[in-house]
Amino acid sequence: MSQFQPGQSGNPSGRPKGILDKRQKLRQELESYSSQLIAHAVQRALTGSDTVLIALINRLVPTLRAEVHSGDEGYSAVQVRWMG
């Protein structure tokens, strides 16, 4: 038997719906500066900041995924496709 009945919260006096957590509050605060922050990050990447450049590339370019398939006669084929 389950400790809680279906549809019953394990913490009925927990966080009310609609209350923002720290990440949501930070996201809302940063949204008004998004264009400026992006322009600044791009400028830093263009002037040699490898860390910022890598972060931008990781966000903009999807990850490659390799899949290996075996053929009828033991041959293998590798298929590479973009994730996302």
PDB file of N, CA and C in Angstrom:
ATOM      1  N   MET A   1       0.842  -1.188   0.000  1.00  0.00           N
ATOM      2  CA  MET A   1       0.000   0.000   0.000  1.00  0.00           C
ATOM      3  C   MET A   1       0.885   1.249   0.000  1.00  0.00           C
ATOM      4  N   SER A   2       0.494   2.226  -0.795  1.00  0.00           N
ATOM      5  CA  SER A   2       1.254   3.460  -0.913  1.00  0.00           C
ATOM      6  C   SER A   2       1.054   4.327   0.318  1.00  0.00           C
ATOM      7  N   GLN A   3       2.066   5.112   0.640  1.00  0.00           N
ATOM      8  CA  GLN A   3       1.994   6.005   1.789  1.00  0.00           C
ATOM      9  C   GLN A   3       0.961   7.101   1.562  1.00  0.00           C
ATOM     10  N   PHE A   4       0.807   7.548   0.294  1.00  0.00           N
ATOM     11  CA  PHE A   4      -0.137   8.624  -0.025  1.00  0.00           C
ATOM     12  C   PHE A   4      -1.197   8.114  -0.981  1.00  0.00           C
ATOM     13  N   GLN A   5      -2.378   8.626  -0.850  1.00  0.00           N
ATOM     14  CA  GLN A   5      -3.481   8.270  -1.742  1.00  0.00           C
ATOM     15  C   GLN A   5      -3.291   8.975  -3.081  1.00  0.00           C
ATOM     16  N   PRO A   6      -3.762   8.392  -4.184  1.00  0.00           N
ATOM     17  CA  PRO A   6      -3.643   9.055  -5.487  1.00  0.00           C
ATOM     18  C   PRO A   6      -4.290  10.440  -5.461  1.00  0.00           C
ATOM     19  N   GLY A   7      -3.577  11.419  -6.003  1.00  0.00           N
ATOM     20  CA  GLY A   7      -4.085  12.786  -6.050  1.00  0.00           C
ATOM     21  C   GLY A   7      -3.840  13.573  -4.782  1.00  0.00           C
ATOM     22  N   GLN A   8      -3.256  12.956  -3.779  1.00  0.00           N
ATOM     23  CA  GLN A   8      -2.999  13.642  -2.504  1.00  0.00           C
ATOM     24  C   GLN A   8      -1.523  13.996  -2.436  1.00  0.00           C
ATOM     25  N   SER A   9      -1.220  15.232  -2.125  1.00  0.00           N
ATOM     26  CA  SER A   9       0.163  15.690  -2.054  1.00  0.00           C
ATOM     27  C   SER A   9       0.842  15.133  -0.819  1.00  0.00           C
ATOM     28  N   GLY A  10       2.151  14.863  -0.969  1.00  0.00           N
ATOM     29  CA  GLY A  10       2.935  14.430   0.181  1.00  0.00           C
ATOM     30  C   GLY A  10       3.236  15.587   1.118  1.00  0.00           C
ATOM     31  N   ASN A  11       3.052  16.817   0.622  1.00  0.00           N
ATOM     32  CA  ASN A  11       3.299  18.003   1.431  1.00  0.00           C
ATOM     33  C   ASN A  11       2.192  19.012   1.128  1.00  0.00           C
ATOM     34  N   PRO A  12       1.024  18.852   1.726  1.00  0.00           N
ATOM     35  CA  PRO A  12      -0.104  19.718   1.399  1.00  0.00           C
ATOM     36  C   PRO A  12       0.125  21.194   1.700  1.00  0.00           C
ATOM     37  N   SER A  13       1.028  21.517   2.623  1.00  0.00           N
ATOM     38  CA  SER A  13       1.287  22.924   2.924  1.00  0.00           C
ATOM     39  C   SER A  13       2.587  23.381   2.257  1.00  0.00           C
ATOM     40  N   GLY A  14       2.976  22.740   1.163  1.00  0.00           N
ATOM     41  CA  GLY A  14       4.210  23.070   0.453  1.00  0.00           C
ATOM     42  C   GLY A  14       4.080  24.344  -0.359  1.00  0.00           C
ATOM     43  N   ARG A  15       5.015  24.532  -1.277  1.00  0.00           N
ATOM     44  CA  ARG A  15       5.060  25.753  -2.083  1.00  0.00           C
ATOM     45  C   ARG A  15       3.771  25.899  -2.896  1.00  0.00           C
ATOM     46  N   PRO A  16       3.105  27.039  -2.776  1.00  0.00           N
ATOM     47  CA  PRO A  16       1.880  27.271  -3.547  1.00  0.00           C
ATOM     48  C   PRO A  16       2.186  27.385  -5.036  1.00  0.00           C
ATOM     49  N   LYS A  17       1.210  27.045  -5.876  1.00  0.00           N
ATOM     50  CA  LYS A  17       1.368  27.160  -7.324  1.00  0.00           C
ATOM     51  C   LYS A  17       1.561  28.624  -7.696  1.00  0.00           C
ATOM     52  N   GLY A  18       2.424  28.839  -8.703  1.00  0.00           N
ATOM     53  CA  GLY A  18       2.652  30.183  -9.194  1.00  0.00           C
ATOM     54  C   GLY A  18       3.779  30.927  -8.506  1.00  0.00           C
ATOM     55  N   ILE A  19       4.328  30.369  -7.439  1.00  0.00           N
ATOM     56  CA  ILE A  19       5.447  31.010  -6.755  1.00  0.00           C
ATOM     57  C   ILE A  19       6.718  30.727  -7.555  1.00  0.00           C
ATOM     58  N   LEU A  20       7.497  31.760  -7.843  1.00  0.00           N
ATOM     59  CA  LEU A  20       8.705  31.605  -8.640  1.00  0.00           C
ATOM     60  C   LEU A  20       9.882  31.155  -7.778  1.00  0.00           C
ATOM     61  N   ASP A  21      10.690  30.231  -8.317  1.00  0.00           N
ATOM     62  CA  ASP A  21      11.902  29.852  -7.601  1.00  0.00           C
ATOM     63  C   ASP A  21      13.044  30.777  -8.027  1.00  0.00           C
ATOM     64  N   LYS A  22      14.225  30.588  -7.457  1.00  0.00           N
ATOM     65  CA  LYS A  22      15.364  31.481  -7.704  1.00  0.00           C
ATOM     66  C   LYS A  22      15.726  31.551  -9.187  1.00  0.00           C
ATOM     67  N   ARG A  23      15.724  30.407  -9.867  1.00  0.00           N
ATOM     68  CA  ARG A  23      16.093  30.391 -11.284  1.00  0.00           C
ATOM     69  C   ARG A  23      15.100  31.168 -12.128  1.00  0.00           C
ATOM     70  N   GLN A  24      13.822  31.016 -11.840  1.00  0.00           N
ATOM     71  CA  GLN A  24      12.800  31.746 -12.604  1.00  0.00           C
ATOM     72  C   GLN A  24      12.907  33.248 -12.367  1.00  0.00           C
ATOM     73  N   LYS A  25      13.174  33.656 -11.130  1.00  0.00           N
ATOM     74  CA  LYS A  25      13.339  35.084 -10.826  1.00  0.00           C
ATOM     75  C   LYS A  25      14.548  35.652 -11.556  1.00  0.00           C
ATOM     76  N   LEU A  26      15.663  34.919 -11.533  1.00  0.00           N
ATOM     77  CA  LEU A  26      16.871  35.371 -12.220  1.00  0.00           C
ATOM     78  C   LEU A  26      16.630  35.464 -13.728  1.00  0.00           C
ATOM     79  N   ARG A  27      15.955  34.470 -14.296  1.00  0.00           N
ATOM     80  CA  ARG A  27      15.647  34.489 -15.727  1.00  0.00           C
ATOM     81  C   ARG A  27      14.817  35.720 -16.088  1.00  0.00           C
ATOM     82  N   GLN A  28      13.842  36.043 -15.277  1.00  0.00           N
ATOM     83  CA  GLN A  28      13.001  37.219 -15.539  1.00  0.00           C
ATOM     84  C   GLN A  28      13.819  38.510 -15.468  1.00  0.00           C
ATOM     85  N   GLU A  29      14.723  38.593 -14.490  1.00  0.00           N
ATOM     86  CA  GLU A  29      15.547  39.792 -14.362  1.00  0.00           C
ATOM     87  C   GLU A  29      16.497  39.954 -15.549  1.00  0.00           C
ATOM     88  N   LEU A  30      17.042  38.848 -16.035  1.00  0.00           N
ATOM     89  CA  LEU A  30      17.998  38.902 -17.139  1.00  0.00           C
ATOM     90  C   LEU A  30      17.339  39.126 -18.502  1.00  0.00           C
ATOM     91  N   GLU A  31      16.066  38.781 -18.634  1.00  0.00           N
ATOM     92  CA  GLU A  31      15.384  38.913 -19.921  1.00  0.00           C
ATOM     93  C   GLU A  31      15.412  40.334 -20.455  1.00  0.00           C
ATOM     94  N   SER A  32      15.311  41.319 -19.595  1.00  0.00           N
ATOM     95  CA  SER A  32      15.300  42.700 -20.063  1.00  0.00           C
ATOM     96  C   SER A  32      16.663  43.131 -20.600  1.00  0.00           C
ATOM     97  N   TYR A  33      17.714  42.407 -20.239  1.00  0.00           N
ATOM     98  CA  TYR A  33      19.069  42.717 -20.706  1.00  0.00           C
ATOM     99  C   TYR A  33      19.576  41.711 -21.741  1.00  0.00           C
ATOM    100  N   SER A  34      18.716  40.841 -22.240  1.00  0.00           N
ATOM    101  CA  SER A  34      19.177  39.732 -23.076  1.00  0.00           C
ATOM    102  C   SER A  34      19.942  40.187 -24.313  1.00  0.00           C
ATOM    103  N   SER A  35      19.465  41.199 -25.021  1.00  0.00           N
ATOM    104  CA  SER A  35      20.162  41.661 -26.226  1.00  0.00           C
ATOM    105  C   SER A  35      21.547  42.179 -25.893  1.00  0.00           C
ATOM    106  N   GLN A  36      21.645  42.950 -24.817  1.00  0.00           N
ATOM    107  CA  GLN A  36      22.938  43.505 -24.417  1.00  0.00           C
ATOM    108  C   GLN A  36      23.896  42.401 -23.960  1.00  0.00           C
ATOM    109  N   LEU A  37      23.387  41.424 -23.213  1.00  0.00           N
ATOM    110  CA  LEU A  37      24.229  40.334 -22.737  1.00  0.00           C
ATOM    111  C   LEU A  37      24.741  39.481 -23.896  1.00  0.00           C
ATOM    112  N   ILE A  38      23.880  39.218 -24.865  1.00  0.00           N
ATOM    113  CA  ILE A  38      24.292  38.430 -26.030  1.00  0.00           C
ATOM    114  C   ILE A  38      25.353  39.188 -26.824  1.00  0.00           C
ATOM    115  N   ALA A  39      25.132  40.475 -27.055  1.00  0.00           N
ATOM    116  CA  ALA A  39      26.102  41.278 -27.799  1.00  0.00           C
ATOM    117  C   ALA A  39      27.449  41.294 -27.077  1.00  0.00           C
ATOM    118  N   HIS A  40      27.423  41.419 -25.756  1.00  0.00           N
ATOM    119  CA  HIS A  40      28.660  41.435 -24.972  1.00  0.00           C
ATOM    120  C   HIS A  40      29.376  40.085 -25.066  1.00  0.00           C
ATOM    121  N   ALA A  41      28.626  38.989 -24.969  1.00  0.00           N
ATOM    122  CA  ALA A  41      29.225  37.652 -25.060  1.00  0.00           C
ATOM    123  C   ALA A  41      29.843  37.424 -26.428  1.00  0.00           C
ATOM    124  N   VAL A  42      29.153  37.841 -27.485  1.00  0.00           N
ATOM    125  CA  VAL A  42      29.692  37.693 -28.840  1.00  0.00           C
ATOM    126  C   VAL A  42      30.959  38.526 -28.992  1.00  0.00           C
ATOM    127  N   GLN A  43      30.940  39.746 -28.484  1.00  0.00           N
ATOM    128  CA  GLN A  43      32.125  40.607 -28.571  1.00  0.00           C
ATOM    129  C   GLN A  43      33.308  39.979 -27.848  1.00  0.00           C
ATOM    130  N   ARG A  44      33.077  39.419 -26.668  1.00  0.00           N
ATOM    131  CA  ARG A  44      34.166  38.759 -25.922  1.00  0.00           C
ATOM    132  C   ARG A  44      34.690  37.556 -26.669  1.00  0.00           C
ATOM    133  N   ALA A  45      33.783  36.782 -27.291  1.00  0.00           N
ATOM    134  CA  ALA A  45      34.216  35.613 -28.061  1.00  0.00           C
ATOM    135  C   ALA A  45      35.062  36.047 -29.251  1.00  0.00           C
ATOM    136  N   LEU A  46      34.663  37.143 -29.904  1.00  0.00           N
ATOM    137  CA  LEU A  46      35.389  37.629 -31.072  1.00  0.00           C
ATOM    138  C   LEU A  46      36.756  38.214 -30.710  1.00  0.00           C
ATOM    139  N   THR A  47      36.910  38.664 -29.474  1.00  0.00           N
ATOM    140  CA  THR A  47      38.195  39.254 -29.068  1.00  0.00           C
ATOM    141  C   THR A  47      39.094  38.250 -28.357  1.00  0.00           C
ATOM    142  N   GLY A  48      38.727  36.987 -28.407  1.00  0.00           N
ATOM    143  CA  GLY A  48      39.656  35.970 -27.924  1.00  0.00           C
ATOM    144  C   GLY A  48      39.297  35.235 -26.655  1.00  0.00           C
ATOM    145  N   SER A  49      38.133  35.419 -26.103  1.00  0.00           N
ATOM    146  CA  SER A  49      37.769  34.674 -24.904  1.00  0.00           C
ATOM    147  C   SER A  49      37.314  33.275 -25.315  1.00  0.00           C
ATOM    148  N   ASP A  50      38.216  32.296 -25.135  1.00  0.00           N
ATOM    149  CA  ASP A  50      37.897  30.925 -25.527  1.00  0.00           C
ATOM    150  C   ASP A  50      36.722  30.355 -24.737  1.00  0.00           C
ATOM    151  N   THR A  51      36.637  30.706 -23.473  1.00  0.00           N
ATOM    152  CA  THR A  51      35.557  30.189 -22.636  1.00  0.00           C
ATOM    153  C   THR A  51      34.198  30.631 -23.163  1.00  0.00           C
ATOM    154  N   VAL A  52      34.070  31.905 -23.491  1.00  0.00           N
ATOM    155  CA  VAL A  52      32.805  32.426 -24.008  1.00  0.00           C
ATOM    156  C   VAL A  52      32.524  31.841 -25.382  1.00  0.00           C
ATOM    157  N   LEU A  53      33.547  31.720 -26.221  1.00  0.00           N
ATOM    158  CA  LEU A  53      33.376  31.146 -27.547  1.00  0.00           C
ATOM    159  C   LEU A  53      32.856  29.716 -27.461  1.00  0.00           C
ATOM    160  N   ILE A  54      33.444  28.913 -26.597  1.00  0.00           N
ATOM    161  CA  ILE A  54      33.009  27.522 -26.429  1.00  0.00           C
ATOM    162  C   ILE A  54      31.575  27.473 -25.915  1.00  0.00           C
ATOM    163  N   ALA A  55      31.231  28.331 -24.968  1.00  0.00           N
ATOM    164  CA  ALA A  55      29.861  28.361 -24.441  1.00  0.00           C
ATOM    165  C   ALA A  55      28.864  28.707 -25.543  1.00  0.00           C
ATOM    166  N   LEU A  56      29.198  29.693 -26.384  1.00  0.00           N
ATOM    167  CA  LEU A  56      28.297  30.072 -27.477  1.00  0.00           C
ATOM    168  C   LEU A  56      28.151  28.946 -28.483  1.00  0.00           C
ATOM    169  N   ILE A  57      29.253  28.320 -28.854  1.00  0.00           N
ATOM    170  CA  ILE A  57      29.183  27.220 -29.822  1.00  0.00           C
ATOM    171  C   ILE A  57      28.372  26.060 -29.258  1.00  0.00           C
ATOM    172  N   ASN A  58      28.576  25.719 -27.998  1.00  0.00           N
ATOM    173  CA  ASN A  58      27.824  24.622 -27.388  1.00  0.00           C
ATOM    174  C   ASN A  58      26.329  24.890 -27.374  1.00  0.00           C
ATOM    175  N   ARG A  59      25.933  26.157 -27.277  1.00  0.00           N
ATOM    176  CA  ARG A  59      24.513  26.499 -27.264  1.00  0.00           C
ATOM    177  C   ARG A  59      23.923  26.584 -28.662  1.00  0.00           C
ATOM    178  N   LEU A  60      24.742  26.956 -29.641  1.00  0.00           N
ATOM    179  CA  LEU A  60      24.231  27.203 -30.988  1.00  0.00           C
ATOM    180  C   LEU A  60      24.322  26.005 -31.917  1.00  0.00           C
ATOM    181  N   VAL A  61      25.337  25.177 -31.746  1.00  0.00           N
ATOM    182  CA  VAL A  61      25.555  24.054 -32.649  1.00  0.00           C
ATOM    183  C   VAL A  61      25.114  22.769 -31.954  1.00  0.00           C
ATOM    184  N   PRO A  62      24.205  22.023 -32.570  1.00  0.00           N
ATOM    185  CA  PRO A  62      23.756  20.786 -31.934  1.00  0.00           C
ATOM    186  C   PRO A  62      24.877  19.743 -31.877  1.00  0.00           C
ATOM    187  N   THR A  63      24.740  18.796 -30.981  1.00  0.00           N
ATOM    188  CA  THR A  63      25.727  17.752 -30.791  1.00  0.00           C
ATOM    189  C   THR A  63      25.618  16.704 -31.897  1.00  0.00           C
ATOM    190  N   LEU A  64      26.757  16.232 -32.373  1.00  0.00           N
ATOM    191  CA  LEU A  64      26.776  15.146 -33.347  1.00  0.00           C
ATOM    192  C   LEU A  64      26.651  13.818 -32.619  1.00  0.00           C
ATOM    193  N   ARG A  65      25.927  12.888 -33.213  1.00  0.00           N
ATOM    194  CA  ARG A  65      25.780  11.563 -32.639  1.00  0.00           C
ATOM    195  C   ARG A  65      26.132  10.539 -33.708  1.00  0.00           C
ATOM    196  N   ALA A  66      27.023   9.628 -33.386  1.00  0.00           N
ATOM    197  CA  ALA A  66      27.411   8.581 -34.321  1.00  0.00           C
ATOM    198  C   ALA A  66      26.690   7.287 -33.949  1.00  0.00           C
ATOM    199  N   GLU A  67      26.131   6.628 -34.954  1.00  0.00           N
ATOM    200  CA  GLU A  67      25.477   5.337 -34.752  1.00  0.00           C
ATOM    201  C   GLU A  67      26.158   4.317 -35.653  1.00  0.00           C
ATOM    202  N   VAL A  68      26.528   3.174 -35.090  1.00  0.00           N
ATOM    203  CA  VAL A  68      27.197   2.128 -35.858  1.00  0.00           C
ATOM    204  C   VAL A  68      26.178   1.039 -36.159  1.00  0.00           C
ATOM    205  N   HIS A  69      26.094   0.664 -37.432  1.00  0.00           N
ATOM    206  CA  HIS A  69      25.164  -0.383 -37.875  1.00  0.00           C
ATOM    207  C   HIS A  69      25.966  -1.517 -38.504  1.00  0.00           C
ATOM    208  N   SER A  70      25.654  -2.777 -38.160  1.00  0.00           N
ATOM    209  CA  SER A  70      26.351  -3.897 -38.799  1.00  0.00           C
ATOM    210  C   SER A  70      25.590  -4.339 -40.035  1.00  0.00           C
ATOM    211  N   GLY A  71      26.359  -4.673 -41.055  1.00  0.00           N
ATOM    212  CA  GLY A  71      25.779  -5.127 -42.310  1.00  0.00           C
ATOM    213  C   GLY A  71      25.597  -6.626 -42.320  1.00  0.00           C
ATOM    214  N   ASP A  72      25.110  -7.166 -43.454  1.00  0.00           N
ATOM    215  CA  ASP A  72      24.839  -8.596 -43.598  1.00  0.00           C
ATOM    216  C   ASP A  72      26.116  -9.432 -43.535  1.00  0.00           C
ATOM    217  N   GLU A  73      27.195  -8.927 -44.074  1.00  0.00           N
ATOM    218  CA  GLU A  73      28.421  -9.711 -44.144  1.00  0.00           C
ATOM    219  C   GLU A  73      29.443  -9.255 -43.109  1.00  0.00           C
ATOM    220  N   GLY A  74      29.003  -8.712 -42.002  1.00  0.00           N
ATOM    221  CA  GLY A  74      29.894  -8.293 -40.951  1.00  0.00           C
ATOM    222  C   GLY A  74      30.465  -6.899 -41.127  1.00  0.00           C
ATOM    223  N   TYR A  75      30.087  -6.223 -42.209  1.00  0.00           N
ATOM    224  CA  TYR A  75      30.559  -4.871 -42.423  1.00  0.00           C
ATOM    225  C   TYR A  75      29.794  -3.938 -41.503  1.00  0.00           C
ATOM    226  N   SER A  76      30.447  -2.885 -41.109  1.00  0.00           N
ATOM    227  CA  SER A  76      29.800  -1.898 -40.257  1.00  0.00           C
ATOM    228  C   SER A  76      29.660  -0.583 -41.017  1.00  0.00           C
ATOM    229  N   ALA A  77      28.616   0.123 -40.739  1.00  0.00           N
ATOM    230  CA  ALA A  77      28.408   1.432 -41.302  1.00  0.00           C
ATOM    231  C   ALA A  77      28.224   2.415 -40.162  1.00  0.00           C
ATOM    232  N   VAL A  78      28.786   3.572 -40.303  1.00  0.00           N
ATOM    233  CA  VAL A  78      28.643   4.611 -39.291  1.00  0.00           C
ATOM    234  C   VAL A  78      27.781   5.714 -39.864  1.00  0.00           C
ATOM    235  N   GLN A  79      26.734   6.042 -39.152  1.00  0.00           N
ATOM    236  CA  GLN A  79      25.850   7.120 -39.554  1.00  0.00           C
ATOM    237  C   GLN A  79      25.993   8.240 -38.531  1.00  0.00           C
ATOM    238  N   VAL A  80      26.265   9.440 -39.007  1.00  0.00           N
ATOM    239  CA  VAL A  80      26.412  10.589 -38.117  1.00  0.00           C
ATOM    240  C   VAL A  80      25.235  11.513 -38.355  1.00  0.00           C
ATOM    241  N   ARG A  81      24.581  11.926 -37.272  1.00  0.00           N
ATOM    242  CA  ARG A  81      23.447  12.835 -37.395  1.00  0.00           C
ATOM    243  C   ARG A  81      23.492  13.854 -36.269  1.00  0.00           C
ATOM    244  N   TRP A  82      22.840  14.974 -36.509  1.00  0.00           N
ATOM    245  CA  TRP A  82      22.771  16.051 -35.513  1.00  0.00           C
ATOM    246  C   TRP A  82      21.704  15.723 -34.497  1.00  0.00           C
ATOM    247  N   MET A  83      21.975  15.987 -33.230  1.00  0.00           N
ATOM    248  CA  MET A  83      20.976  15.845 -32.166  1.00  0.00           C
ATOM    249  C   MET A  83      20.181  17.134 -32.087  1.00  0.00           C
ATOM    250  N   GLY A  84      18.922  17.006 -31.724  1.00  0.00           N
ATOM    251  CA  GLY A  84      18.116  18.188 -31.499  1.00  0.00           C
ATOM    252  C   GLY A  84      17.489  18.783 -32.656  1.00  0.00           C
TER     253      GLY A  84
END
